[in-house]
């Protein structure tokens, strides 16, 4: 993953770069929420 990111050339316009960065952060948040909900359901099943 890190290798792929290193090969990405930042767009010339900063707004565009910021736009993609916001999407990336949103995806990370969604991923974390998903993992949290998964761990909660696993705990509920085990108890």
PDB file of N, CA and C in Angstrom:
ATOM      1  N   UNK A   1       0.836  -1.209   0.000  1.00  0.00           N
ATOM      2  CA  UNK A   1       0.000   0.000   0.000  1.00  0.00           C
ATOM      3  C   UNK A   1       0.868   1.256   0.000  1.00  0.00           C
ATOM      4  N   UNK A   2       1.861   1.274   0.851  1.00  0.00           N
ATOM      5  CA  UNK A   2       2.736   2.447   0.935  1.00  0.00           C
ATOM      6  C   UNK A   2       3.486   2.658  -0.377  1.00  0.00           C
ATOM      7  N   UNK A   3       3.854   1.553  -1.032  1.00  0.00           N
ATOM      8  CA  UNK A   3       4.571   1.668  -2.305  1.00  0.00           C
ATOM      9  C   UNK A   3       3.692   2.327  -3.360  1.00  0.00           C
ATOM     10  N   UNK A   4       2.425   1.951  -3.381  1.00  0.00           N
ATOM     11  CA  UNK A   4       1.490   2.530  -4.345  1.00  0.00           C
ATOM     12  C   UNK A   4       1.340   4.028  -4.093  1.00  0.00           C
ATOM     13  N   UNK A   5       1.175   4.413  -2.825  1.00  0.00           N
ATOM     14  CA  UNK A   5       0.986   5.825  -2.489  1.00  0.00           C
ATOM     15  C   UNK A   5       2.202   6.650  -2.885  1.00  0.00           C
ATOM     16  N   UNK A   6       3.390   6.080  -2.759  1.00  0.00           N
ATOM     17  CA  UNK A   6       4.613   6.812  -3.078  1.00  0.00           C
ATOM     18  C   UNK A   6       4.672   7.140  -4.568  1.00  0.00           C
ATOM     19  N   UNK A   7       4.022   6.314  -5.394  1.00  0.00           N
ATOM     20  CA  UNK A   7       4.062   6.514  -6.838  1.00  0.00           C
ATOM     21  C   UNK A   7       3.027   7.525  -7.323  1.00  0.00           C
ATOM     22  N   UNK A   8       2.101   7.901  -6.454  1.00  0.00           N
ATOM     23  CA  UNK A   8       1.071   8.866  -6.849  1.00  0.00           C
ATOM     24  C   UNK A   8       1.681  10.262  -6.924  1.00  0.00           C
ATOM     25  N   UNK A   9       1.489  10.924  -8.050  1.00  0.00           N
ATOM     26  CA  UNK A   9       1.994  12.288  -8.218  1.00  0.00           C
ATOM     27  C   UNK A   9       0.909  13.259  -7.775  1.00  0.00           C
ATOM     28  N   UNK A  10       1.209  14.136  -6.829  1.00  0.00           N
ATOM     29  CA  UNK A  10       0.193  15.087  -6.369  1.00  0.00           C
ATOM     30  C   UNK A  10      -0.283  15.972  -7.513  1.00  0.00           C
ATOM     31  N   UNK A  11      -1.597  16.182  -7.630  1.00  0.00           N
ATOM     32  CA  UNK A  11      -2.118  17.092  -8.657  1.00  0.00           C
ATOM     33  C   UNK A  11      -1.547  18.496  -8.490  1.00  0.00           C
ATOM     34  N   UNK A  12      -1.482  19.227  -9.580  1.00  0.00           N
ATOM     35  CA  UNK A  12      -0.916  20.577  -9.539  1.00  0.00           C
ATOM     36  C   UNK A  12      -1.759  21.503  -8.667  1.00  0.00           C
ATOM     37  N   UNK A  13      -3.067  21.317  -8.710  1.00  0.00           N
ATOM     38  CA  UNK A  13      -3.958  22.182  -7.928  1.00  0.00           C
ATOM     39  C   UNK A  13      -4.146  21.603  -6.541  1.00  0.00           C
ATOM     40  N   UNK A  14      -3.909  22.437  -5.538  1.00  0.00           N
ATOM     41  CA  UNK A  14      -3.974  21.967  -4.153  1.00  0.00           C
ATOM     42  C   UNK A  14      -5.385  21.540  -3.769  1.00  0.00           C
ATOM     43  N   UNK A  15      -6.407  22.230  -4.296  1.00  0.00           N
ATOM     44  CA  UNK A  15      -7.790  21.881  -3.962  1.00  0.00           C
ATOM     45  C   UNK A  15      -8.071  20.429  -4.335  1.00  0.00           C
ATOM     46  N   UNK A  16      -7.557  20.036  -5.482  1.00  0.00           N
ATOM     47  CA  UNK A  16      -7.767  18.672  -5.947  1.00  0.00           C
ATOM     48  C   UNK A  16      -7.100  17.685  -4.992  1.00  0.00           C
ATOM     49  N   UNK A  17      -5.888  17.992  -4.568  1.00  0.00           N
ATOM     50  CA  UNK A  17      -5.157  17.115  -3.647  1.00  0.00           C
ATOM     51  C   UNK A  17      -5.902  17.014  -2.323  1.00  0.00           C
ATOM     52  N   UNK A  18      -6.405  18.155  -1.842  1.00  0.00           N
ATOM     53  CA  UNK A  18      -7.142  18.195  -0.581  1.00  0.00           C
ATOM     54  C   UNK A  18      -8.420  17.359  -0.692  1.00  0.00           C
ATOM     55  N   UNK A  19      -9.046  17.418  -1.858  1.00  0.00           N
ATOM     56  CA  UNK A  19     -10.269  16.655  -2.108  1.00  0.00           C
ATOM     57  C   UNK A  19     -10.013  15.160  -1.958  1.00  0.00           C
ATOM     58  N   UNK A  20      -8.943  14.666  -2.576  1.00  0.00           N
ATOM     59  CA  UNK A  20      -8.609  13.246  -2.479  1.00  0.00           C
ATOM     60  C   UNK A  20      -8.191  12.873  -1.064  1.00  0.00           C
ATOM     61  N   UNK A  21      -7.500  13.779  -0.397  1.00  0.00           N
ATOM     62  CA  UNK A  21      -7.074  13.525   0.985  1.00  0.00           C
ATOM     63  C   UNK A  21      -8.293  13.386   1.895  1.00  0.00           C
ATOM     64  N   UNK A  22      -9.303  14.221   1.676  1.00  0.00           N
ATOM     65  CA  UNK A  22     -10.531  14.124   2.469  1.00  0.00           C
ATOM     66  C   UNK A  22     -11.226  12.790   2.241  1.00  0.00           C
ATOM     67  N   UNK A  23     -11.268  12.344   0.998  1.00  0.00           N
ATOM     68  CA  UNK A  23     -11.865  11.043   0.689  1.00  0.00           C
ATOM     69  C   UNK A  23     -11.109   9.939   1.420  1.00  0.00           C
ATOM     70  N   UNK A  24      -9.783  10.018   1.390  1.00  0.00           N
ATOM     71  CA  UNK A  24      -8.957   8.992   2.033  1.00  0.00           C
ATOM     72  C   UNK A  24      -9.232   8.949   3.539  1.00  0.00           C
ATOM     73  N   UNK A  25      -9.331  10.115   4.162  1.00  0.00           N
ATOM     74  CA  UNK A  25      -9.597  10.173   5.601  1.00  0.00           C
ATOM     75  C   UNK A  25     -10.990   9.623   5.912  1.00  0.00           C
ATOM     76  N   UNK A  26     -11.961   9.934   5.058  1.00  0.00           N
ATOM     77  CA  UNK A  26     -13.314   9.417   5.262  1.00  0.00           C
ATOM     78  C   UNK A  26     -13.337   7.898   5.168  1.00  0.00           C
ATOM     79  N   UNK A  27     -12.604   7.349   4.219  1.00  0.00           N
ATOM     80  CA  UNK A  27     -12.541   5.899   4.076  1.00  0.00           C
ATOM     81  C   UNK A  27     -11.902   5.260   5.298  1.00  0.00           C
ATOM     82  N   UNK A  28     -10.864   5.897   5.843  1.00  0.00           N
ATOM     83  CA  UNK A  28     -10.216   5.379   7.051  1.00  0.00           C
ATOM     84  C   UNK A  28     -11.200   5.364   8.217  1.00  0.00           C
ATOM     85  N   UNK A  29     -11.989   6.416   8.352  1.00  0.00           N
ATOM     86  CA  UNK A  29     -12.974   6.479   9.435  1.00  0.00           C
ATOM     87  C   UNK A  29     -14.024   5.387   9.279  1.00  0.00           C
ATOM     88  N   UNK A  30     -14.506   5.202   8.052  1.00  0.00           N
ATOM     89  CA  UNK A  30     -15.495   4.154   7.782  1.00  0.00           C
ATOM     90  C   UNK A  30     -14.909   2.788   8.123  1.00  0.00           C
ATOM     91  N   UNK A  31     -13.657   2.577   7.742  1.00  0.00           N
ATOM     92  CA  UNK A  31     -12.993   1.304   8.010  1.00  0.00           C
ATOM     93  C   UNK A  31     -12.889   1.059   9.514  1.00  0.00           C
ATOM     94  N   UNK A  32     -12.515   2.091  10.264  1.00  0.00           N
ATOM     95  CA  UNK A  32     -12.393   1.955  11.716  1.00  0.00           C
ATOM     96  C   UNK A  32     -13.747   1.661  12.349  1.00  0.00           C
ATOM     97  N   UNK A  33     -14.789   2.363  11.899  1.00  0.00           N
ATOM     98  CA  UNK A  33     -16.136   2.121  12.418  1.00  0.00           C
ATOM     99  C   UNK A  33     -16.556   0.683  12.144  1.00  0.00           C
ATOM    100  N   UNK A  34     -16.253   0.201  10.949  1.00  0.00           N
ATOM    101  CA  UNK A  34     -16.602  -1.164  10.570  1.00  0.00           C
ATOM    102  C   UNK A  34     -15.890  -2.172  11.463  1.00  0.00           C
ATOM    103  N   UNK A  35     -14.584  -1.959  11.673  1.00  0.00           N
ATOM    104  CA  UNK A  35     -13.812  -2.869  12.516  1.00  0.00           C
ATOM    105  C   UNK A  35     -14.332  -2.855  13.948  1.00  0.00           C
ATOM    106  N   UNK A  36     -14.707  -1.676  14.438  1.00  0.00           N
ATOM    107  CA  UNK A  36     -15.260  -1.575  15.793  1.00  0.00           C
ATOM    108  C   UNK A  36     -16.570  -2.354  15.897  1.00  0.00           C
ATOM    109  N   UNK A  37     -17.439  -2.201  14.926  1.00  0.00           N
ATOM    110  CA  UNK A  37     -18.722  -2.895  14.964  1.00  0.00           C
ATOM    111  C   UNK A  37     -18.518  -4.406  14.843  1.00  0.00           C
ATOM    112  N   UNK A  38     -17.527  -4.823  14.058  1.00  0.00           N
ATOM    113  CA  UNK A  38     -17.215  -6.243  13.927  1.00  0.00           C
ATOM    114  C   UNK A  38     -16.761  -6.823  15.262  1.00  0.00           C
ATOM    115  N   UNK A  39     -15.871  -6.115  15.952  1.00  0.00           N
ATOM    116  CA  UNK A  39     -15.362  -6.610  17.233  1.00  0.00           C
ATOM    117  C   UNK A  39     -16.483  -6.662  18.265  1.00  0.00           C
ATOM    118  N   UNK A  40     -17.429  -5.705  18.190  1.00  0.00           N
ATOM    119  CA  UNK A  40     -18.558  -5.707  19.120  1.00  0.00           C
ATOM    120  C   UNK A  40     -19.441  -6.931  18.894  1.00  0.00           C
ATOM    121  N   UNK A  41     -19.731  -7.246  17.646  1.00  0.00           N
ATOM    122  CA  UNK A  41     -20.594  -8.389  17.352  1.00  0.00           C
ATOM    123  C   UNK A  41     -19.900  -9.684  17.747  1.00  0.00           C
ATOM    124  N   UNK A  42     -18.593  -9.735  17.586  1.00  0.00           N
ATOM    125  CA  UNK A  42     -17.843 -10.925  17.988  1.00  0.00           C
ATOM    126  C   UNK A  42     -17.911 -11.122  19.492  1.00  0.00           C
ATOM    127  N   UNK A  43     -17.809 -10.037  20.249  1.00  0.00           N
ATOM    128  CA  UNK A  43     -17.897 -10.120  21.707  1.00  0.00           C
ATOM    129  C   UNK A  43     -19.292 -10.584  22.129  1.00  0.00           C
ATOM    130  N   UNK A  44     -20.308 -10.084  21.451  1.00  0.00           N
ATOM    131  CA  UNK A  44     -21.679 -10.460  21.790  1.00  0.00           C
ATOM    132  C   UNK A  44     -21.916 -11.944  21.539  1.00  0.00           C
ATOM    133  N   UNK A  45     -21.356 -12.469  20.474  1.00  0.00           N
ATOM    134  CA  UNK A  45     -21.543 -13.881  20.149  1.00  0.00           C
ATOM    135  C   UNK A  45     -20.822 -14.783  21.147  1.00  0.00           C
ATOM    136  N   UNK A  46     -19.644 -14.364  21.589  1.00  0.00           N
ATOM    137  CA  UNK A  46     -18.846 -15.209  22.484  1.00  0.00           C
ATOM    138  C   UNK A  46     -19.429 -15.256  23.889  1.00  0.00           C
ATOM    139  N   UNK A  47     -20.155 -14.194  24.292  1.00  0.00           N
ATOM    140  CA  UNK A  47     -20.688 -14.167  25.660  1.00  0.00           C
ATOM    141  C   UNK A  47     -22.000 -14.944  25.767  1.00  0.00           C
TER     142      UNK A  47
END
